[in-house]
Structures are given as structure tokens and as C-alpha cells.
C-alpha atoms as a PDB file:
ATOM      1  CA  MET A   1      22.872  11.779  41.690  1.00  0.00           C
ATOM      2  CA  SER A   2      24.243   9.774  38.402  1.00  0.00           C
ATOM      3  CA  THR A   3      23.229  11.024  35.390  1.00  0.00           C
ATOM      4  CA  SER A   4      23.341   8.705  31.738  1.00  0.00           C
ATOM      5  CA  THR A   5      23.780   9.755  28.463  1.00  0.00           C
ATOM      6  CA  THR A   6      22.402   8.609  25.368  1.00  0.00           C
ATOM      7  CA  VAL A   7      24.434   8.197  21.989  1.00  0.00           C
ATOM      8  CA  ALA A   8      21.604   9.459  19.301  1.00  0.00           C
ATOM      9  CA  LEU A   9      22.924   6.505  16.320  1.00  0.00           C
ATOM     10  CA  ARG A  10      22.187   8.555  13.143  1.00  0.00           C
ATOM     11  CA  ARG A  11      21.035   5.972  10.176  1.00  0.00           C
ATOM     12  CA  PRO A  12      23.958   6.188   7.004  1.00  0.00           C
ATOM     13  CA  SER A  13      22.965   8.550   4.387  1.00  0.00           C
ATOM     14  CA  GLN A  14      22.267   6.335   0.845  1.00  0.00           C
ATOM     15  CA  GLY A  15      25.397   8.241  -0.602  1.00  0.00           C
ATOM     16  CA  GLN A  16      27.492   6.480   2.771  1.00  0.00           C
ATOM     17  CA  VAL A  17      25.572   3.373   2.069  1.00  0.00           C
ATOM     18  CA  VAL A  18      26.802   3.357  -1.584  1.00  0.00           C
ATOM     19  CA  VAL A  19      30.328   4.312  -0.738  1.00  0.00           C
ATOM     20  CA  ALA A  20      31.038   1.451   1.897  1.00  0.00           C
ATOM     21  CA  GLY A  21      29.741  -0.957  -0.604  1.00  0.00           C
ATOM     22  CA  LEU A  22      32.067   0.302  -2.926  1.00  0.00           C
ATOM     23  CA  VAL A  23      34.931   0.088  -0.725  1.00  0.00           C
ATOM     24  CA  LEU A  24      33.989  -3.505   0.575  1.00  0.00           C
ATOM     25  CA  ILE A  25      33.830  -4.571  -3.607  1.00  0.00           C
ATOM     26  CA  ALA A  26      37.440  -3.253  -4.181  1.00  0.00           C
ATOM     27  CA  LEU A  27      38.918  -4.719  -0.968  1.00  0.00           C
ATOM     28  CA  ALA A  28      37.192  -8.515  -1.647  1.00  0.00           C
ATOM     29  CA  GLN A  29      38.207  -7.857  -5.610  1.00  0.00           C
ATOM     30  CA  ARG A  30      40.886 -10.158  -5.079  1.00  0.00           C
ATOM     31  CA  TRP A  31      38.855 -12.676  -3.931  1.00  0.00           C
ATOM     32  CA  LEU A  32      35.525 -12.150  -6.255  1.00  0.00           C
ATOM     33  CA  VAL A  33      37.074 -11.943  -9.489  1.00  0.00           C
ATOM     34  CA  PRO A  34      37.910 -15.645  -9.694  1.00  0.00           C
ATOM     35  CA  ARG A  35      34.772 -16.764  -8.845  1.00  0.00           C
ATOM     36  CA  LEU A  36      32.542 -14.671 -10.812  1.00  0.00           C
ATOM     37  CA  ASP A  37      34.667 -15.416 -14.407  1.00  0.00           C
ATOM     38  CA  PHE A  38      31.679 -17.309 -16.117  1.00  0.00           C
ATOM     39  CA  PRO A  39      30.660 -16.153 -19.467  1.00  0.00           C
ATOM     40  CA  ALA A  40      26.799 -15.816 -18.389  1.00  0.00           C
ATOM     41  CA  LEU A  41      27.469 -13.191 -15.582  1.00  0.00           C
ATOM     42  CA  GLN A  42      30.261 -11.762 -18.244  1.00  0.00           C
ATOM     43  CA  THR A  43      27.381 -11.193 -20.737  1.00  0.00           C
ATOM     44  CA  TRP A  44      24.762 -10.085 -17.978  1.00  0.00           C
ATOM     45  CA  SER A  45      27.591  -7.045 -16.618  1.00  0.00           C
ATOM     46  CA  THR A  46      28.198  -5.556 -20.522  1.00  0.00           C
ATOM     47  CA  ILE A  47      24.436  -5.944 -21.038  1.00  0.00           C
ATOM     48  CA  PHE A  48      24.015  -3.936 -17.761  1.00  0.00           C
ATOM     49  CA  VAL A  49      26.909  -1.504 -17.799  1.00  0.00           C
ATOM     50  CA  ALA A  50      26.164  -0.565 -21.775  1.00  0.00           C
ATOM     51  CA  MET A  51      22.731   0.613 -20.975  1.00  0.00           C
ATOM     52  CA  VAL A  52      23.114   2.027 -17.800  1.00  0.00           C
ATOM     53  CA  LEU A  53      25.905   4.337 -19.776  1.00  0.00           C
ATOM     54  CA  GLN A  54      23.432   4.769 -22.909  1.00  0.00           C
ATOM     55  CA  ALA A  55      20.531   5.901 -20.500  1.00  0.00           C
ATOM     56  CA  LEU A  56      22.320   7.996 -18.066  1.00  0.00           C
ATOM     57  CA  PRO A  57      22.607  11.237 -19.815  1.00  0.00           C
ATOM     58  CA  PHE A  58      19.062  11.171 -20.994  1.00  0.00           C
ATOM     59  CA  LEU A  59      18.264  10.602 -17.371  1.00  0.00           C
ATOM     60  CA  VAL A  60      19.802  13.304 -16.050  1.00  0.00           C
ATOM     61  CA  GLY A  61      18.621  15.462 -19.091  1.00  0.00           C
ATOM     62  CA  GLY A  62      15.103  14.887 -18.672  1.00  0.00           C
ATOM     63  CA  VAL A  63      15.567  15.121 -14.451  1.00  0.00           C
ATOM     64  CA  LEU A  64      16.979  18.528 -14.843  1.00  0.00           C
ATOM     65  CA  LEU A  65      14.547  20.097 -17.496  1.00  0.00           C
ATOM     66  CA  ALA A  66      11.630  18.541 -15.066  1.00  0.00           C
ATOM     67  CA  ALA A  67      12.729  20.280 -11.978  1.00  0.00           C
ATOM     68  CA  LEU A  68      13.340  23.545 -13.859  1.00  0.00           C
ATOM     69  CA  ILE A  69       9.375  23.277 -14.833  1.00  0.00           C
ATOM     70  CA  SER A  70       8.763  22.309 -11.350  1.00  0.00           C
ATOM     71  CA  ALA A  71      10.407  25.218 -10.201  1.00  0.00           C
ATOM     72  CA  PHE A  72       9.852  27.843 -12.108  1.00  0.00           C
ATOM     73  CA  VAL A  73       6.497  27.278 -13.887  1.00  0.00           C
ATOM     74  CA  THR A  74       3.390  27.044 -11.155  1.00  0.00           C
ATOM     75  CA  GLU A  75       0.418  25.411 -11.181  1.00  0.00           C
ATOM     76  CA  GLU A  76      -1.534  28.452 -11.358  1.00  0.00           C
ATOM     77  CA  ARG A  77       0.292  28.961 -15.067  1.00  0.00           C
ATOM     78  CA  LEU A  78      -0.927  25.404 -15.729  1.00  0.00           C
ATOM     79  CA  ARG A  79      -4.253  25.911 -14.821  1.00  0.00           C
ATOM     80  CA  ARG A  80      -4.785  29.260 -16.827  1.00  0.00           C
ATOM     81  CA  MET A  81      -3.442  27.500 -20.315  1.00  0.00           C
ATOM     82  CA  THR A  82      -6.200  25.163 -20.010  1.00  0.00           C
ATOM     83  CA  PRO A  83      -9.878  25.600 -21.808  1.00  0.00           C
ATOM     84  CA  ARG A  84     -12.555  25.822 -19.120  1.00  0.00           C
ATOM     85  CA  SER A  85     -14.455  23.309 -20.669  1.00  0.00           C
ATOM     86  CA  PRO A  86     -13.013  19.824 -19.735  1.00  0.00           C
ATOM     87  CA  TRP A  87     -13.796  17.934 -22.785  1.00  0.00           C
ATOM     88  CA  LEU A  88     -11.526  20.596 -24.801  1.00  0.00           C
ATOM     89  CA  GLY A  89      -9.012  20.683 -21.654  1.00  0.00           C
ATOM     90  CA  VAL A  90      -8.392  16.953 -22.009  1.00  0.00           C
ATOM     91  CA  PRO A  91      -6.618  17.284 -25.585  1.00  0.00           C
ATOM     92  CA  ALA A  92      -5.020  20.364 -24.330  1.00  0.00           C
ATOM     93  CA  ALA A  93      -3.600  19.123 -21.493  1.00  0.00           C
ATOM     94  CA  GLY A  94      -2.319  15.916 -23.559  1.00  0.00           C
ATOM     95  CA  ALA A  95      -0.382  18.252 -25.808  1.00  0.00           C
ATOM     96  CA  ALA A  96       0.902  20.612 -22.740  1.00  0.00           C
ATOM     97  CA  GLY A  97       2.548  17.443 -21.984  1.00  0.00           C
ATOM     98  CA  ILE A  98       4.633  17.846 -25.023  1.00  0.00           C
ATOM     99  CA  ALA A  99       6.232  21.659 -24.021  1.00  0.00           C
ATOM    100  CA  LEU A 100       6.188  20.528 -20.549  1.00  0.00           C
ATOM    101  CA  PRO A 101       7.926  17.590 -19.513  1.00  0.00           C
ATOM    102  CA  GLY A 102       7.975  16.063 -16.401  1.00  0.00           C
ATOM    103  CA  CYS A 103       9.178  12.508 -14.756  1.00  0.00           C
ATOM    104  CA  GLU A 104       6.489  10.395 -13.123  1.00  0.00           C
ATOM    105  CA  CYS A 105       7.355  11.054  -9.532  1.00  0.00           C
ATOM    106  CA  ALA A 106       6.636  14.626 -10.052  1.00  0.00           C
ATOM    107  CA  SER A 107       3.609  14.293 -12.418  1.00  0.00           C
ATOM    108  CA  VAL A 108       1.146  13.086  -9.571  1.00  0.00           C
ATOM    109  CA  PRO A 109       1.940  15.799  -6.858  1.00  0.00           C
ATOM    110  CA  VAL A 110       1.313  18.449  -9.684  1.00  0.00           C
ATOM    111  CA  ALA A 111      -1.883  16.651 -11.265  1.00  0.00           C
ATOM    112  CA  ALA A 112      -2.783  17.210  -7.266  1.00  0.00           C
ATOM    113  CA  GLY A 113      -2.309  20.725  -7.443  1.00  0.00           C
ATOM    114  CA  LEU A 114      -3.929  21.503 -10.067  1.00  0.00           C
ATOM    115  CA  VAL A 115      -7.212  19.524  -8.913  1.00  0.00           C
ATOM    116  CA  ARG A 116      -6.571  21.698  -5.464  1.00  0.00           C
ATOM    117  CA  ARG A 117      -7.367  24.928  -7.672  1.00  0.00           C
ATOM    118  CA  GLY A 118     -10.030  23.892  -9.363  1.00  0.00           C
ATOM    119  CA  VAL A 119      -8.923  21.849 -12.607  1.00  0.00           C
ATOM    120  CA  ALA A 120     -11.108  19.141 -13.800  1.00  0.00           C
ATOM    121  CA  PRO A 121      -9.559  16.212 -12.364  1.00  0.00           C
ATOM    122  CA  ALA A 122     -10.185  14.516 -16.297  1.00  0.00           C
ATOM    123  CA  VAL A 123      -7.658  17.381 -17.304  1.00  0.00           C
ATOM    124  CA  ALA A 124      -4.945  16.905 -14.630  1.00  0.00           C
ATOM    125  CA  PHE A 125      -5.223  13.406 -14.994  1.00  0.00           C
ATOM    126  CA  THR A 126      -4.750  13.871 -18.729  1.00  0.00           C
ATOM    127  CA  PHE A 127      -1.228  16.120 -18.164  1.00  0.00           C
ATOM    128  CA  MET A 128      -0.575  13.342 -15.260  1.00  0.00           C
ATOM    129  CA  LEU A 129      -0.381  10.908 -18.137  1.00  0.00           C
ATOM    130  CA  ALA A 130       1.226  12.675 -20.904  1.00  0.00           C
ATOM    131  CA  ALA A 131       3.795  14.942 -19.065  1.00  0.00           C
ATOM    132  CA  PRO A 132       6.446  11.986 -18.641  1.00  0.00           C
ATOM    133  CA  ALA A 133       5.443   9.922 -22.007  1.00  0.00           C
ATOM    134  CA  VAL A 134       5.331  12.359 -25.063  1.00  0.00           C
ATOM    135  CA  ASN A 135       8.109  15.035 -24.078  1.00  0.00           C
ATOM    136  CA  PRO A 136      11.253  15.938 -26.569  1.00  0.00           C
ATOM    137  CA  VAL A 137      13.589  13.783 -24.128  1.00  0.00           C
ATOM    138  CA  VAL A 138      11.641  10.639 -23.967  1.00  0.00           C
ATOM    139  CA  LEU A 139      11.217  11.025 -27.455  1.00  0.00           C
ATOM    140  CA  VAL A 140      15.003  11.378 -28.338  1.00  0.00           C
ATOM    141  CA  SER A 141      16.246   8.894 -26.445  1.00  0.00           C
ATOM    142  CA  THR A 142      13.636   6.476 -27.916  1.00  0.00           C
ATOM    143  CA  ALA A 143      15.038   7.277 -31.161  1.00  0.00           C
ATOM    144  CA  VAL A 144      18.684   7.020 -29.997  1.00  0.00           C
ATOM    145  CA  ALA A 145      18.338   3.308 -28.376  1.00  0.00           C
ATOM    146  CA  PHE A 146      16.172   1.768 -31.279  1.00  0.00           C
ATOM    147  CA  SER A 147      18.967   3.422 -33.881  1.00  0.00           C
ATOM    148  CA  GLY A 148      16.947   6.211 -35.186  1.00  0.00           C
ATOM    149  CA  ARG A 149      13.722   4.184 -36.016  1.00  0.00           C
ATOM    150  CA  THR A 150      11.250   6.647 -36.204  1.00  0.00           C
ATOM    151  CA  ASP A 151       8.468   4.285 -36.408  1.00  0.00           C
ATOM    152  CA  MET A 152       9.047   3.249 -33.251  1.00  0.00           C
ATOM    153  CA  VAL A 153       9.002   6.850 -32.186  1.00  0.00           C
ATOM    154  CA  ALA A 154       6.201   7.282 -33.820  1.00  0.00           C
ATOM    155  CA  ALA A 155       4.228   4.380 -32.392  1.00  0.00           C
ATOM    156  CA  ARG A 156       5.150   5.629 -28.734  1.00  0.00           C
ATOM    157  CA  PHE A 157       3.844   9.163 -29.329  1.00  0.00           C
ATOM    158  CA  ALA A 158       0.920   7.801 -30.859  1.00  0.00           C
ATOM    159  CA  ALA A 159      -0.242   5.294 -28.222  1.00  0.00           C
ATOM    160  CA  SER A 160       1.251   7.460 -25.123  1.00  0.00           C
ATOM    161  CA  MET A 161      -0.858  10.690 -26.508  1.00  0.00           C
ATOM    162  CA  ALA A 162      -4.189   8.612 -27.295  1.00  0.00           C
ATOM    163  CA  THR A 163      -3.868   6.597 -23.588  1.00  0.00           C
ATOM    164  CA  ALA A 164      -3.880  10.058 -21.976  1.00  0.00           C
ATOM    165  CA  VAL A 165      -6.566  11.649 -23.885  1.00  0.00           C
ATOM    166  CA  ALA A 166      -8.880   8.372 -23.652  1.00  0.00           C
ATOM    167  CA  VAL A 167      -8.174   8.427 -19.931  1.00  0.00           C
ATOM    168  CA  GLY A 168      -9.281  11.598 -19.342  1.00  0.00           C
ATOM    169  CA  TRP A 169     -12.361  11.418 -21.711  1.00  0.00           C
ATOM    170  CA  TRP A 170     -13.183   8.451 -19.878  1.00  0.00           C
ATOM    171  CA  TRP A 171     -12.360   9.989 -16.125  1.00  0.00           C
ATOM    172  CA  GLN A 172     -14.466  12.907 -17.528  1.00  0.00           C
ATOM    173  CA  TRP A 173     -17.696  10.729 -18.251  1.00  0.00           C
ATOM    174  CA  ARG A 174     -17.360   8.127 -15.366  1.00  0.00           C
ATOM    175  CA  GLY A 175     -15.210   9.874 -12.751  1.00  0.00           C
ATOM    176  CA  HIS A 176     -18.019  12.151 -11.366  1.00  0.00           C
ATOM    177  CA  ALA A 177     -19.056   9.888  -8.310  1.00  0.00           C
ATOM    178  CA  VAL A 178     -15.107   8.643  -7.246  1.00  0.00           C
ATOM    179  CA  PRO A 179     -14.581  10.979  -4.046  1.00  0.00           C
ATOM    180  CA  LEU A 180     -11.319  12.313  -4.738  1.00  0.00           C
ATOM    181  CA  THR A 181      -9.172  13.295  -1.559  1.00  0.00           C
ATOM    182  CA  SER A 182      -6.810  16.181  -1.963  1.00  0.00           C
ATOM    183  CA  GLY A 183      -2.941  15.335  -0.496  1.00  0.00           C
ATOM    184  CA  ALA A 184      -0.025  17.563  -1.526  1.00  0.00           C
ATOM    185  CA  GLY A 185       2.097  14.593  -2.407  1.00  0.00           C
ATOM    186  CA  HIS A 186       5.813  15.323  -2.660  1.00  0.00           C
ATOM    187  CA  GLN A 187       6.725  18.871  -3.056  1.00  0.00           C
ATOM    188  CA  HIS A 188       9.592  21.322  -3.807  1.00  0.00           C
ATOM    189  CA  ALA A 189      10.174  24.814  -2.935  1.00  0.00           C
ATOM    190  CA  THR A 190      10.055  27.202  -5.611  1.00  0.00           C
ATOM    191  CA  GLY A 191      12.944  29.230  -7.005  1.00  0.00           C
ATOM    192  CA  TRP A 192      16.479  27.890  -7.994  1.00  0.00           C
ATOM    193  CA  ARG A 193      16.494  26.198  -4.378  1.00  0.00           C
ATOM    194  CA  GLY A 194      13.528  24.314  -5.222  1.00  0.00           C
ATOM    195  CA  PHE A 195      15.598  23.236  -8.526  1.00  0.00           C
ATOM    196  CA  ALA A 196      18.235  21.919  -6.552  1.00  0.00           C
ATOM    197  CA  ASP A 197      15.733  20.032  -4.376  1.00  0.00           C
ATOM    198  CA  SER A 198      13.714  18.614  -6.871  1.00  0.00           C
ATOM    199  CA  ALA A 199      17.242  17.531  -8.826  1.00  0.00           C
ATOM    200  CA  ARG A 200      18.673  16.277  -6.180  1.00  0.00           C
ATOM    201  CA  HIS A 201      15.512  13.824  -4.989  1.00  0.00           C
ATOM    202  CA  ASP A 202      14.605  12.761  -8.893  1.00  0.00           C
ATOM    203  CA  VAL A 203      18.292  11.829  -9.833  1.00  0.00           C
ATOM    204  CA  VAL A 204      18.208   9.600  -7.121  1.00  0.00           C
ATOM    205  CA  HIS A 205      14.884   8.160  -6.760  1.00  0.00           C
ATOM    206  CA  ALA A 206      14.772   7.502 -10.787  1.00  0.00           C
ATOM    207  CA  GLY A 207      18.726   6.736 -10.800  1.00  0.00           C
ATOM    208  CA  GLY A 208      18.013   3.761  -8.648  1.00  0.00           C
ATOM    209  CA  PHE A 209      14.797   2.432 -10.521  1.00  0.00           C
ATOM    210  CA  LEU A 210      17.250   2.751 -13.693  1.00  0.00           C
ATOM    211  CA  VAL A 211      20.282   0.391 -12.029  1.00  0.00           C
ATOM    212  CA  ALA A 212      17.080  -2.203 -11.458  1.00  0.00           C
ATOM    213  CA  GLY A 213      15.401  -2.063 -14.350  1.00  0.00           C
ATOM    214  CA  ALA A 214      18.886  -2.658 -16.265  1.00  0.00           C
ATOM    215  CA  ALA A 215      20.141  -5.275 -14.090  1.00  0.00           C
ATOM    216  CA  ILE A 216      16.934  -7.298 -14.532  1.00  0.00           C
ATOM    217  CA  ALA A 217      16.996  -6.649 -18.045  1.00  0.00           C
ATOM    218  CA  ALA A 218      20.297  -7.873 -18.502  1.00  0.00           C
ATOM    219  CA  ALA A 219      19.350 -11.023 -16.597  1.00  0.00           C
ATOM    220  CA  VAL A 220      16.543 -11.501 -18.801  1.00  0.00           C
ATOM    221  CA  SER A 221      19.045 -11.242 -21.739  1.00  0.00           C
ATOM    222  CA  ALA A 222      21.872 -13.036 -20.301  1.00  0.00           C
ATOM    223  CA  LEU A 223      20.701 -15.141 -17.648  1.00  0.00           C
ATOM    224  CA  LEU A 224      17.350 -16.742 -18.493  1.00  0.00           C
ATOM    225  CA  PRO A 225      16.832 -20.109 -20.324  1.00  0.00           C
ATOM    226  CA  ARG A 226      16.571 -19.699 -23.879  1.00  0.00           C
ATOM    227  CA  GLN A 227      13.870 -22.315 -23.907  1.00  0.00           C
ATOM    228  CA  LEU A 228      11.419 -20.322 -21.518  1.00  0.00           C
ATOM    229  CA  LEU A 229      12.676 -16.971 -23.052  1.00  0.00           C
ATOM    230  CA  ASP A 230      11.190 -18.519 -26.779  1.00  0.00           C
ATOM    231  CA  ALA A 231       8.390 -19.759 -25.342  1.00  0.00           C
ATOM    232  CA  VAL A 232       7.479 -16.476 -24.093  1.00  0.00           C
ATOM    233  CA  SER A 233       8.619 -14.323 -26.682  1.00  0.00           C
ATOM    234  CA  GLY A 234       7.066 -16.589 -29.066  1.00  0.00           C
ATOM    235  CA  SER A 235       3.680 -16.075 -28.275  1.00  0.00           C
ATOM    236  CA  ALA A 236       2.032 -12.621 -29.027  1.00  0.00           C
ATOM    237  CA  VAL A 237      -0.519 -12.398 -26.434  1.00  0.00           C
ATOM    238  CA  LEU A 238       1.927 -13.819 -23.451  1.00  0.00           C
ATOM    239  CA  ALA A 239       4.740 -11.074 -25.210  1.00  0.00           C
ATOM    240  CA  VAL A 240       2.549  -8.049 -24.353  1.00  0.00           C
ATOM    241  CA  LEU A 241       1.151  -9.622 -20.854  1.00  0.00           C
ATOM    242  CA  ALA A 242       5.045 -10.094 -19.911  1.00  0.00           C
ATOM    243  CA  LEU A 243       6.543  -7.070 -21.076  1.00  0.00           C
ATOM    244  CA  ALA A 244       3.038  -5.264 -19.516  1.00  0.00           C
ATOM    245  CA  THR A 245       3.744  -6.560 -16.293  1.00  0.00           C
ATOM    246  CA  PHE A 246       7.889  -6.137 -16.326  1.00  0.00           C
ATOM    247  CA  ALA A 247       6.747  -2.432 -17.127  1.00  0.00           C
ATOM    248  CA  PHE A 248       4.225  -2.175 -14.074  1.00  0.00           C
ATOM    249  CA  VAL A 249       6.436  -3.971 -11.628  1.00  0.00           C
ATOM    250  CA  VAL A 250      10.180  -2.389 -12.374  1.00  0.00           C
ATOM    251  CA  ALA A 251       8.892   1.334 -12.626  1.00  0.00           C
ATOM    252  CA  MET A 252      11.856   2.703 -14.394  1.00  0.00           C
ATOM    253  CA  CYS A 253      12.051   6.616 -14.842  1.00  0.00           C
ATOM    254  CA  SER A 254      10.399   6.970 -18.987  1.00  0.00           C
ATOM    255  CA  GLU A 255      13.573   8.823 -19.942  1.00  0.00           C
ATOM    256  CA  ALA A 256      15.806   5.492 -19.994  1.00  0.00           C
ATOM    257  CA  ASP A 257      13.067   2.710 -20.206  1.00  0.00           C
ATOM    258  CA  ALA A 258      13.897   2.729 -24.231  1.00  0.00           C
ATOM    259  CA  PHE A 259      17.402   1.529 -23.725  1.00  0.00           C
ATOM    260  CA  VAL A 260      16.235  -1.381 -21.525  1.00  0.00           C
ATOM    261  CA  ALA A 261      13.321  -1.937 -24.234  1.00  0.00           C
ATOM    262  CA  ALA A 262      15.994  -2.150 -26.859  1.00  0.00           C
ATOM    263  CA  SER A 263      17.936  -4.329 -25.288  1.00  0.00           C
ATOM    264  CA  LEU A 264      14.906  -7.280 -25.078  1.00  0.00           C
ATOM    265  CA  THR A 265      15.822  -8.638 -28.560  1.00  0.00           C
ATOM    266  CA  MET A 266      13.848 -11.912 -28.463  1.00  0.00           C
ATOM    267  CA  PHE A 267      10.366 -10.186 -27.874  1.00  0.00           C
ATOM    268  CA  SER A 268       8.532  -8.390 -31.246  1.00  0.00           C
ATOM    269  CA  ASP A 269       8.284  -4.745 -31.549  1.00  0.00           C
ATOM    270  CA  THR A 270       4.682  -4.580 -30.397  1.00  0.00           C
ATOM    271  CA  ALA A 271       5.696  -5.715 -26.895  1.00  0.00           C
ATOM    272  CA  LYS A 272       8.490  -3.960 -26.536  1.00  0.00           C
ATOM    273  CA  LEU A 273       6.135  -0.951 -27.181  1.00  0.00           C
ATOM    274  CA  VAL A 274       3.691  -1.985 -24.644  1.00  0.00           C
ATOM    275  CA  PHE A 275       6.775  -1.757 -22.026  1.00  0.00           C
ATOM    276  CA  LEU A 276       7.819   1.799 -23.206  1.00  0.00           C
ATOM    277  CA  VAL A 277       4.075   2.625 -23.265  1.00  0.00           C
ATOM    278  CA  VAL A 278       2.830   1.068 -20.293  1.00  0.00           C
ATOM    279  CA  GLY A 279       5.555   1.839 -17.816  1.00  0.00           C
ATOM    280  CA  PRO A 280       4.977   5.924 -17.721  1.00  0.00           C
ATOM    281  CA  ALA A 281       1.407   5.586 -17.858  1.00  0.00           C
ATOM    282  CA  MET A 282       1.177   3.153 -14.599  1.00  0.00           C
ATOM    283  CA  ASP A 283       3.703   1.533 -12.733  1.00  0.00           C
ATOM    284  CA  VAL A 284       3.820   0.293  -9.099  1.00  0.00           C
ATOM    285  CA  LYS A 285       5.221   3.391  -7.718  1.00  0.00           C
ATOM    286  CA  LEU A 286       2.769   5.675  -9.573  1.00  0.00           C
ATOM    287  CA  ALA A 287      -0.224   3.426  -8.342  1.00  0.00           C
ATOM    288  CA  ALA A 288       0.844   4.158  -4.485  1.00  0.00           C
ATOM    289  CA  MET A 289       1.339   7.619  -4.955  1.00  0.00           C
ATOM    290  CA  GLY A 290      -1.750   8.226  -6.812  1.00  0.00           C
ATOM    291  CA  ALA A 291      -3.178   5.865  -3.844  1.00  0.00           C
ATOM    292  CA  GLY A 292      -1.521   8.248  -1.250  1.00  0.00           C
ATOM    293  CA  THR A 293      -2.633  11.313  -2.932  1.00  0.00           C
ATOM    294  CA  PHE A 294      -6.218  11.042  -4.689  1.00  0.00           C
ATOM    295  CA  GLY A 295      -7.556   8.364  -2.189  1.00  0.00           C
ATOM    296  CA  SER A 296      -7.790   4.213  -2.217  1.00  0.00           C
ATOM    297  CA  GLY A 297     -11.150   4.458  -4.082  1.00  0.00           C
ATOM    298  CA  PHE A 298      -9.400   6.541  -6.952  1.00  0.00           C
ATOM    299  CA  ALA A 299      -6.760   3.856  -7.058  1.00  0.00           C
ATOM    300  CA  VAL A 300      -9.058   0.960  -7.415  1.00  0.00           C
ATOM    301  CA  ARG A 301     -10.800   2.630 -10.467  1.00  0.00           C
ATOM    302  CA  PHE A 302      -7.700   4.499 -12.217  1.00  0.00           C
ATOM    303  CA  VAL A 303      -5.048   1.870 -12.146  1.00  0.00           C
ATOM    304  CA  PRO A 304      -6.492  -1.149 -13.649  1.00  0.00           C
ATOM    305  CA  ALA A 305      -8.276   1.555 -16.124  1.00  0.00           C
ATOM    306  CA  VAL A 306      -5.307   2.961 -17.313  1.00  0.00           C
ATOM    307  CA  LEU A 307      -3.466  -0.370 -17.453  1.00  0.00           C
ATOM    308  CA  VAL A 308      -5.942  -1.499 -19.746  1.00  0.00           C
ATOM    309  CA  VAL A 309      -5.682   1.495 -21.879  1.00  0.00           C
ATOM    310  CA  ALA A 310      -1.810   1.646 -22.206  1.00  0.00           C
ATOM    311  CA  THR A 311      -1.986  -1.989 -23.081  1.00  0.00           C
ATOM    312  CA  SER A 312      -4.970  -1.632 -25.492  1.00  0.00           C
ATOM    313  CA  ALA A 313      -3.229   1.150 -27.183  1.00  0.00           C
ATOM    314  CA  ALA A 314       0.375   0.501 -27.794  1.00  0.00           C
ATOM    315  CA  VAL A 315      -1.251  -3.346 -29.277  1.00  0.00           C
ATOM    316  CA  ILE A 316      -3.093  -0.815 -31.985  1.00  0.00           C
ATOM    317  CA  ALA A 317      -0.418   1.386 -32.575  1.00  0.00           C
ATOM    318  CA  GLY A 318       2.146  -1.396 -33.483  1.00  0.00           C
ATOM    319  CA  ALA A 319       0.071  -3.213 -35.600  1.00  0.00           C
ATOM    320  CA  VAL A 320      -0.637  -0.075 -37.476  1.00  0.00           C
ATOM    321  CA  LEU A 321       2.203   1.515 -37.580  1.00  0.00           C
ATOM    322  CA  LEU A 322       5.461  -1.069 -36.612  1.00  0.00           C
END
């Protein structure tokens, strides 16, 4: 009787793929360098590396702070901090986002946990929108990226807070008829183990989006035809729509997106502000997480509403403060 041995092939981890790619690039550099020596690519690489290096400390700092809160501040404590009246709880949840920052990835499961524990959905969704957008790490990174411009920091804070509160009140008014599922989403353990798990997950996840966003933004600045950029950035409406779409698609971490926005020098300050407000409020990643956590009926109503409110709030704040 013959026996057969089955060998299970393990899929390489993300770290192994990255290391293998770096080794291949190092081995092929003698062949690559002469063929990549042209001005546009040099400009792209300079912009790309500068954005990543500037943004990385803020991304890591924000992820570590969010991981601490995720591991040691329980949803029960958050529930006790909110007023019983949802109409009062909405602005209170927006204010809590200042003191209890979180990345976009963590905000959706936190909101789901709050809803499961009896917090009004409008209050939970307000915190979900505010925490990644108005916390001190995001505001400091914005100040650094825009060379200390307090008007841009104030405009971002005002538009993001207005978005979170307006959407929360709108949901309290109109959202009762929308059925919500109560999926748990991505969960971490508590304590220091939870801190390590959360930090590791979010650094890898957010770092990938930072690299992708910086690469796209550098390509916009260095490689796209100047006539096309002038045509888009020269129209106030097209510029706003372009950067709102860019923010939704590129799905960057809010701790690092200011450096990408600041690099888009051909666009107006208001268009840049739209990018900074729309991205943390709603992107393709958050839309998918929201649909998976709260159901497709929620996503169909919530995602377009957030995009419209965030874009409008940014345009108004830009007109008033910039």
C-alpha cells in the first residue's frame, strides 16, 4: 500500500514579498539606473520620497496613539461619556473625537461596538467621522505640511467637525427607518497585546495607502501634462470634484494626507481643503467597511450623504477662512 505525501505551500507574507522585491531591485540596479535616468522620473522620485519621509512620523505617531485608545479605552467607557439625548450626544461625540483620536480603520468597528451597546447610531456615527479628522495629531501634521498656516488648520478643523455633527444630526432625523446590522468588524484584544496587534495591523495597512497616495500625488505633480493640470485646476468646480474623487479613491490615512495635499501646488487652497475633509470622512475603504459592518442599506444612504456634506462643508470653510 503506497502512501502519498502532501506538501502544503505557504503563501509568502507581505514582509517577505517586500524584502524579495528590494533584493531584486538591488540586483537589477546596474541595468535599471541607466534606463531610468530622465528628468520627469527624477522629479517624481524626489517628490515621492519627500512626502513619505515627512508624513511617516505623523502616521506612526497617530497609529500608536489610536492603538493605545483602542486597547485601553473600552466602548463601555465611551458610552458613559455621551449624553442620553441623541441630539445632545451628537456634538458631544464630535468633541470626543478631539480627545480620543483613531484611524479610519478603527473608527468603524468602534462605532459598531457603541451601537451594539445601546448608543444611538447617530452618536456613534458622529464619533466615527470626527475621531480620524479633528484629533491633535492630524491638526499638527496639517500645520507642518502647510508651513504653519493656521488658516488651513482652522478650516480643516471647522469643516471636519461640521461634517461629523451635520451628518450625525441628519441621521438622527432621517435614519431611523434604515435597518442596521451589527457586524463586529476588525477587532483587537485589549491590554498591551491588543495595543501591539492594533499598531502592527494599522501601520502596515495605513503605510501601504500612504505609499500609494504619495506615488499618485507625485505622478500628478511630475508626470501629467501641464495643460491638463491647468485645465482642471483652473476651474473651481473641476478642481473640487477632482480632489474629492482623488480623496475617495486613494484612501489615505488622515495623519499623513496633509503632506500629499500640500504637494498639489497647482490646485487652489479650497480644493486642497476638500481633499483633506473628504478623505477622513469617506473613502472607498471606509465605504466597504461600512457596508460590511452595518449593511448595504446603510451604505447606500450614508456614503453619498457624507460625500456631499463633506465637500460642501469644505467649500464653505474655504470660502470663509482661506
